[in-house]
Amino acid sequence: MKNLETIVTELEKGDLSLDDSVKKFEEGIKISKECNSILESAEKKISILLEKDGELTEESFVGE
């Protein structure tokens, strides 16, 4: 995430050449996809504990 934030900051400054901007943008997209993959994997592992009638039950997390 830190690398992605750095890339966004560099792109927002507007000091890069067009070629360097495109390279940074491509790198940012790659990092973004990796982060999304990690997030999706984590969502699959999440379970929610619910209390029903004094007992704890486990249900799979369903992301939107």
PDB file of N, CA and C in Angstrom:
ATOM      1  N   MET A   1       0.828  -1.190   0.000  1.00  0.00           N
ATOM      2  CA  MET A   1       0.000   0.000   0.000  1.00  0.00           C
ATOM      3  C   MET A   1       0.869   1.249   0.000  1.00  0.00           C
ATOM      4  N   LYS A   2       1.972   1.186   0.749  1.00  0.00           N
ATOM      5  CA  LYS A   2       2.855   2.355   0.825  1.00  0.00           C
ATOM      6  C   LYS A   2       3.408   2.679  -0.557  1.00  0.00           C
ATOM      7  N   ASN A   3       3.809   1.650  -1.308  1.00  0.00           N
ATOM      8  CA  ASN A   3       4.322   1.866  -2.670  1.00  0.00           C
ATOM      9  C   ASN A   3       3.254   2.493  -3.564  1.00  0.00           C
ATOM     10  N   LEU A   4       2.037   2.046  -3.417  1.00  0.00           N
ATOM     11  CA  LEU A   4       0.927   2.581  -4.209  1.00  0.00           C
ATOM     12  C   LEU A   4       0.682   4.054  -3.863  1.00  0.00           C
ATOM     13  N   GLU A   5       0.742   4.377  -2.584  1.00  0.00           N
ATOM     14  CA  GLU A   5       0.578   5.767  -2.157  1.00  0.00           C
ATOM     15  C   GLU A   5       1.682   6.656  -2.730  1.00  0.00           C
ATOM     16  N   THR A   6       2.900   6.141  -2.744  1.00  0.00           N
ATOM     17  CA  THR A   6       4.032   6.892  -3.298  1.00  0.00           C
ATOM     18  C   THR A   6       3.837   7.158  -4.781  1.00  0.00           C
ATOM     19  N   ILE A   7       3.387   6.147  -5.498  1.00  0.00           N
ATOM     20  CA  ILE A   7       3.146   6.295  -6.935  1.00  0.00           C
ATOM     21  C   ILE A   7       2.064   7.336  -7.199  1.00  0.00           C
ATOM     22  N   VAL A   8       0.996   7.285  -6.435  1.00  0.00           N
ATOM     23  CA  VAL A   8      -0.094   8.256  -6.611  1.00  0.00           C
ATOM     24  C   VAL A   8       0.422   9.671  -6.368  1.00  0.00           C
ATOM     25  N   THR A   9       1.210   9.836  -5.330  1.00  0.00           N
ATOM     26  CA  THR A   9       1.775  11.155  -5.024  1.00  0.00           C
ATOM     27  C   THR A   9       2.644  11.650  -6.172  1.00  0.00           C
ATOM     28  N   GLU A  10       3.492  10.776  -6.711  1.00  0.00           N
ATOM     29  CA  GLU A  10       4.364  11.159  -7.826  1.00  0.00           C
ATOM     30  C   GLU A  10       3.550  11.551  -9.056  1.00  0.00           C
ATOM     31  N   LEU A  11       2.495  10.800  -9.329  1.00  0.00           N
ATOM     32  CA  LEU A  11       1.657  11.100 -10.484  1.00  0.00           C
ATOM     33  C   LEU A  11       0.891  12.409 -10.291  1.00  0.00           C
ATOM     34  N   GLU A  12       0.436  12.649  -9.063  1.00  0.00           N
ATOM     35  CA  GLU A  12      -0.320  13.870  -8.787  1.00  0.00           C
ATOM     36  C   GLU A  12       0.529  15.126  -8.905  1.00  0.00           C
ATOM     37  N   LYS A  13       1.820  15.011  -8.626  1.00  0.00           N
ATOM     38  CA  LYS A  13       2.719  16.168  -8.734  1.00  0.00           C
ATOM     39  C   LYS A  13       2.823  16.655 -10.172  1.00  0.00           C
ATOM     40  N   GLY A  14       2.780  15.722 -11.118  1.00  0.00           N
ATOM     41  CA  GLY A  14       2.834  16.094 -12.523  1.00  0.00           C
ATOM     42  C   GLY A  14       4.226  16.433 -13.024  1.00  0.00           C
ATOM     43  N   ASP A  15       5.265  16.074 -12.263  1.00  0.00           N
ATOM     44  CA  ASP A  15       6.645  16.380 -12.647  1.00  0.00           C
ATOM     45  C   ASP A  15       7.280  15.316 -13.539  1.00  0.00           C
ATOM     46  N   LEU A  16       6.625  14.194 -13.713  1.00  0.00           N
ATOM     47  CA  LEU A  16       7.190  13.088 -14.490  1.00  0.00           C
ATOM     48  C   LEU A  16       6.944  13.297 -15.976  1.00  0.00           C
ATOM     49  N   SER A  17       7.828  12.718 -16.771  1.00  0.00           N
ATOM     50  CA  SER A  17       7.606  12.737 -18.221  1.00  0.00           C
ATOM     51  C   SER A  17       6.436  11.810 -18.531  1.00  0.00           C
ATOM     52  N   LEU A  18       5.917  11.911 -19.737  1.00  0.00           N
ATOM     53  CA  LEU A  18       4.798  11.061 -20.123  1.00  0.00           C
ATOM     54  C   LEU A  18       5.179   9.591 -20.024  1.00  0.00           C
ATOM     55  N   ASP A  19       6.386   9.257 -20.491  1.00  0.00           N
ATOM     56  CA  ASP A  19       6.846   7.868 -20.449  1.00  0.00           C
ATOM     57  C   ASP A  19       6.949   7.369 -19.005  1.00  0.00           C
ATOM     58  N   ASP A  20       7.536   8.195 -18.132  1.00  0.00           N
ATOM     59  CA  ASP A  20       7.662   7.806 -16.729  1.00  0.00           C
ATOM     60  C   ASP A  20       6.285   7.713 -16.058  1.00  0.00           C
ATOM     61  N   SER A  21       5.376   8.606 -16.418  1.00  0.00           N
ATOM     62  CA  SER A  21       4.022   8.578 -15.865  1.00  0.00           C
ATOM     63  C   SER A  21       3.310   7.290 -16.248  1.00  0.00           C
ATOM     64  N   VAL A  22       3.455   6.873 -17.496  1.00  0.00           N
ATOM     65  CA  VAL A  22       2.820   5.633 -17.956  1.00  0.00           C
ATOM     66  C   VAL A  22       3.406   4.437 -17.210  1.00  0.00           C
ATOM     67  N   LYS A  23       4.733   4.424 -17.017  1.00  0.00           N
ATOM     68  CA  LYS A  23       5.382   3.329 -16.295  1.00  0.00           C
ATOM     69  C   LYS A  23       4.890   3.270 -14.854  1.00  0.00           C
ATOM     70  N   LYS A  24       4.801   4.437 -14.210  1.00  0.00           N
ATOM     71  CA  LYS A  24       4.317   4.492 -12.828  1.00  0.00           C
ATOM     72  C   LYS A  24       2.859   4.045 -12.750  1.00  0.00           C
ATOM     73  N   PHE A  25       2.050   4.473 -13.718  1.00  0.00           N
ATOM     74  CA  PHE A  25       0.645   4.082 -13.749  1.00  0.00           C
ATOM     75  C   PHE A  25       0.520   2.565 -13.877  1.00  0.00           C
ATOM     76  N   GLU A  26       1.301   1.966 -14.779  1.00  0.00           N
ATOM     77  CA  GLU A  26       1.268   0.509 -14.956  1.00  0.00           C
ATOM     78  C   GLU A  26       1.690  -0.207 -13.680  1.00  0.00           C
ATOM     79  N   GLU A  27       2.724   0.325 -13.017  1.00  0.00           N
ATOM     80  CA  GLU A  27       3.184  -0.260 -11.759  1.00  0.00           C
ATOM     81  C   GLU A  27       2.093  -0.150 -10.693  1.00  0.00           C
ATOM     82  N   GLY A  28       1.420   0.984 -10.651  1.00  0.00           N
ATOM     83  CA  GLY A  28       0.333   1.185  -9.695  1.00  0.00           C
ATOM     84  C   GLY A  28      -0.821   0.226  -9.926  1.00  0.00           C
ATOM     85  N   ILE A  29      -1.165   0.004 -11.193  1.00  0.00           N
ATOM     86  CA  ILE A  29      -2.239  -0.944 -11.515  1.00  0.00           C
ATOM     87  C   ILE A  29      -1.855  -2.354 -11.061  1.00  0.00           C
ATOM     88  N   LYS A  30      -0.600  -2.735 -11.275  1.00  0.00           N
ATOM     89  CA  LYS A  30      -0.133  -4.057 -10.867  1.00  0.00           C
ATOM     90  C   LYS A  30      -0.241  -4.212  -9.350  1.00  0.00           C
ATOM     91  N   ILE A  31       0.218  -3.198  -8.612  1.00  0.00           N
ATOM     92  CA  ILE A  31       0.149  -3.239  -7.149  1.00  0.00           C
ATOM     93  C   ILE A  31      -1.307  -3.283  -6.688  1.00  0.00           C
ATOM     94  N   SER A  32      -2.158  -2.498  -7.328  1.00  0.00           N
ATOM     95  CA  SER A  32      -3.580  -2.468  -6.985  1.00  0.00           C
ATOM     96  C   SER A  32      -4.217  -3.842  -7.165  1.00  0.00           C
ATOM     97  N   LYS A  33      -3.883  -4.520  -8.245  1.00  0.00           N
ATOM     98  CA  LYS A  33      -4.428  -5.862  -8.487  1.00  0.00           C
ATOM     99  C   LYS A  33      -3.940  -6.844  -7.436  1.00  0.00           C
ATOM    100  N   GLU A  34      -2.665  -6.723  -7.037  1.00  0.00           N
ATOM    101  CA  GLU A  34      -2.128  -7.600  -5.994  1.00  0.00           C
ATOM    102  C   GLU A  34      -2.852  -7.364  -4.670  1.00  0.00           C
ATOM    103  N   CYS A  35      -3.077  -6.089  -4.330  1.00  0.00           N
ATOM    104  CA  CYS A  35      -3.799  -5.758  -3.089  1.00  0.00           C
ATOM    105  C   CYS A  35      -5.220  -6.305  -3.125  1.00  0.00           C
ATOM    106  N   ASN A  36      -5.879  -6.180  -4.264  1.00  0.00           N
ATOM    107  CA  ASN A  36      -7.239  -6.687  -4.413  1.00  0.00           C
ATOM    108  C   ASN A  36      -7.276  -8.204  -4.244  1.00  0.00           C
ATOM    109  N   SER A  37      -6.282  -8.879  -4.779  1.00  0.00           N
ATOM    110  CA  SER A  37      -6.202 -10.334  -4.646  1.00  0.00           C
ATOM    111  C   SER A  37      -6.027 -10.742  -3.184  1.00  0.00           C
ATOM    112  N   ILE A  38      -5.163 -10.020  -2.478  1.00  0.00           N
ATOM    113  CA  ILE A  38      -4.948 -10.300  -1.057  1.00  0.00           C
ATOM    114  C   ILE A  38      -6.238 -10.070  -0.274  1.00  0.00           C
ATOM    115  N   LEU A  39      -6.937  -8.983  -0.582  1.00  0.00           N
ATOM    116  CA  LEU A  39      -8.194  -8.670   0.095  1.00  0.00           C
ATOM    117  C   LEU A  39      -9.245  -9.745  -0.163  1.00  0.00           C
ATOM    118  N   GLU A  40      -9.372 -10.176  -1.409  1.00  0.00           N
ATOM    119  CA  GLU A  40     -10.350 -11.219  -1.733  1.00  0.00           C
ATOM    120  C   GLU A  40     -10.030 -12.516  -0.999  1.00  0.00           C
ATOM    121  N   SER A  41      -8.749 -12.840  -0.908  1.00  0.00           N
ATOM    122  CA  SER A  41      -8.341 -14.047  -0.193  1.00  0.00           C
ATOM    123  C   SER A  41      -8.693 -13.943   1.283  1.00  0.00           C
ATOM    124  N   ALA A  42      -8.455 -12.774   1.865  1.00  0.00           N
ATOM    125  CA  ALA A  42      -8.771 -12.579   3.282  1.00  0.00           C
ATOM    126  C   ALA A  42     -10.272 -12.660   3.525  1.00  0.00           C
ATOM    127  N   GLU A  43     -11.069 -12.095   2.611  1.00  0.00           N
ATOM    128  CA  GLU A  43     -12.527 -12.133   2.767  1.00  0.00           C
ATOM    129  C   GLU A  43     -13.044 -13.563   2.775  1.00  0.00           C
ATOM    130  N   LYS A  44     -12.410 -14.427   2.014  1.00  0.00           N
ATOM    131  CA  LYS A  44     -12.842 -15.821   1.950  1.00  0.00           C
ATOM    132  C   LYS A  44     -12.582 -16.537   3.268  1.00  0.00           C
ATOM    133  N   LYS A  45     -11.600 -16.059   4.034  1.00  0.00           N
ATOM    134  CA  LYS A  45     -11.216 -16.715   5.278  1.00  0.00           C
ATOM    135  C   LYS A  45     -11.996 -16.201   6.489  1.00  0.00           C
ATOM    136  N   ILE A  46     -12.675 -15.073   6.316  1.00  0.00           N
ATOM    137  CA  ILE A  46     -13.362 -14.448   7.452  1.00  0.00           C
ATOM    138  C   ILE A  46     -14.620 -15.229   7.827  1.00  0.00           C
ATOM    139  N   SER A  47     -14.770 -15.443   9.089  1.00  0.00           N
ATOM    140  CA  SER A  47     -16.006 -16.050   9.600  1.00  0.00           C
ATOM    141  C   SER A  47     -16.599 -15.109  10.625  1.00  0.00           C
ATOM    142  N   ILE A  48     -17.895 -15.066  10.690  1.00  0.00           N
ATOM    143  CA  ILE A  48     -18.574 -14.209  11.648  1.00  0.00           C
ATOM    144  C   ILE A  48     -19.205 -15.091  12.728  1.00  0.00           C
ATOM    145  N   LEU A  49     -18.915 -14.728  13.956  1.00  0.00           N
ATOM    146  CA  LEU A  49     -19.526 -15.454  15.069  1.00  0.00           C
ATOM    147  C   LEU A  49     -20.816 -14.752  15.467  1.00  0.00           C
ATOM    148  N   LEU A  50     -21.866 -15.493  15.514  1.00  0.00           N
ATOM    149  CA  LEU A  50     -23.169 -14.958  15.895  1.00  0.00           C
ATOM    150  C   LEU A  50     -23.678 -15.698  17.126  1.00  0.00           C
ATOM    151  N   GLU A  51     -24.270 -14.954  18.031  1.00  0.00           N
ATOM    152  CA  GLU A  51     -24.848 -15.586  19.209  1.00  0.00           C
ATOM    153  C   GLU A  51     -26.326 -15.818  18.978  1.00  0.00           C
ATOM    154  N   LYS A  52     -26.734 -17.075  19.049  1.00  0.00           N
ATOM    155  CA  LYS A  52     -28.134 -17.446  18.890  1.00  0.00           C
ATOM    156  C   LYS A  52     -28.529 -18.333  20.064  1.00  0.00           C
ATOM    157  N   ASP A  53     -29.533 -17.894  20.790  1.00  0.00           N
ATOM    158  CA  ASP A  53     -30.037 -18.656  21.933  1.00  0.00           C
ATOM    159  C   ASP A  53     -28.916 -19.029  22.905  1.00  0.00           C
ATOM    160  N   GLY A  54     -27.995 -18.102  23.131  1.00  0.00           N
ATOM    161  CA  GLY A  54     -26.923 -18.341  24.089  1.00  0.00           C
ATOM    162  C   GLY A  54     -25.774 -19.162  23.550  1.00  0.00           C
ATOM    163  N   GLU A  55     -25.850 -19.591  22.305  1.00  0.00           N
ATOM    164  CA  GLU A  55     -24.778 -20.384  21.714  1.00  0.00           C
ATOM    165  C   GLU A  55     -24.109 -19.600  20.588  1.00  0.00           C
ATOM    166  N   LEU A  56     -22.822 -19.815  20.459  1.00  0.00           N
ATOM    167  CA  LEU A  56     -22.094 -19.178  19.371  1.00  0.00           C
ATOM    168  C   LEU A  56     -22.100 -20.099  18.156  1.00  0.00           C
ATOM    169  N   THR A  57     -22.441 -19.533  17.040  1.00  0.00           N
ATOM    170  CA  THR A  57     -22.404 -20.303  15.804  1.00  0.00           C
ATOM    171  C   THR A  57     -21.493 -19.595  14.823  1.00  0.00           C
ATOM    172  N   GLU A  58     -20.918 -20.334  13.938  1.00  0.00           N
ATOM    173  CA  GLU A  58     -20.001 -19.769  12.958  1.00  0.00           C
ATOM    174  C   GLU A  58     -20.650 -19.805  11.582  1.00  0.00           C
ATOM    175  N   GLU A  59     -20.616 -18.647  10.893  1.00  0.00           N
ATOM    176  CA  GLU A  59     -21.145 -18.572   9.547  1.00  0.00           C
ATOM    177  C   GLU A  59     -20.079 -17.987   8.631  1.00  0.00           C
ATOM    178  N   SER A  60     -20.052 -18.437   7.424  1.00  0.00           N
ATOM    179  CA  SER A  60     -19.086 -17.908   6.466  1.00  0.00           C
ATOM    180  C   SER A  60     -19.437 -16.481   6.116  1.00  0.00           C
ATOM    181  N   PHE A  61     -18.416 -15.667   5.929  1.00  0.00           N
ATOM    182  CA  PHE A  61     -18.590 -14.287   5.521  1.00  0.00           C
ATOM    183  C   PHE A  61     -18.939 -14.243   4.048  1.00  0.00           C
ATOM    184  N   VAL A  62     -19.974 -13.478   3.709  1.00  0.00           N
ATOM    185  CA  VAL A  62     -20.343 -13.311   2.309  1.00  0.00           C
ATOM    186  C   VAL A  62     -20.116 -11.857   1.952  1.00  0.00           C
ATOM    187  N   GLY A  63     -19.078 -11.589   1.127  1.00  0.00           N
ATOM    188  CA  GLY A  63     -18.782 -10.218   0.721  1.00  0.00           C
ATOM    189  C   GLY A  63     -19.693  -9.772  -0.400  1.00  0.00           C
ATOM    190  N   GLU A  64     -19.792  -8.460  -0.554  1.00  0.00           N
ATOM    191  CA  GLU A  64     -20.660  -7.926  -1.600  1.00  0.00           C
ATOM    192  C   GLU A  64     -19.882  -7.690  -2.861  1.00  0.00           C
TER     193      GLU A  64
END
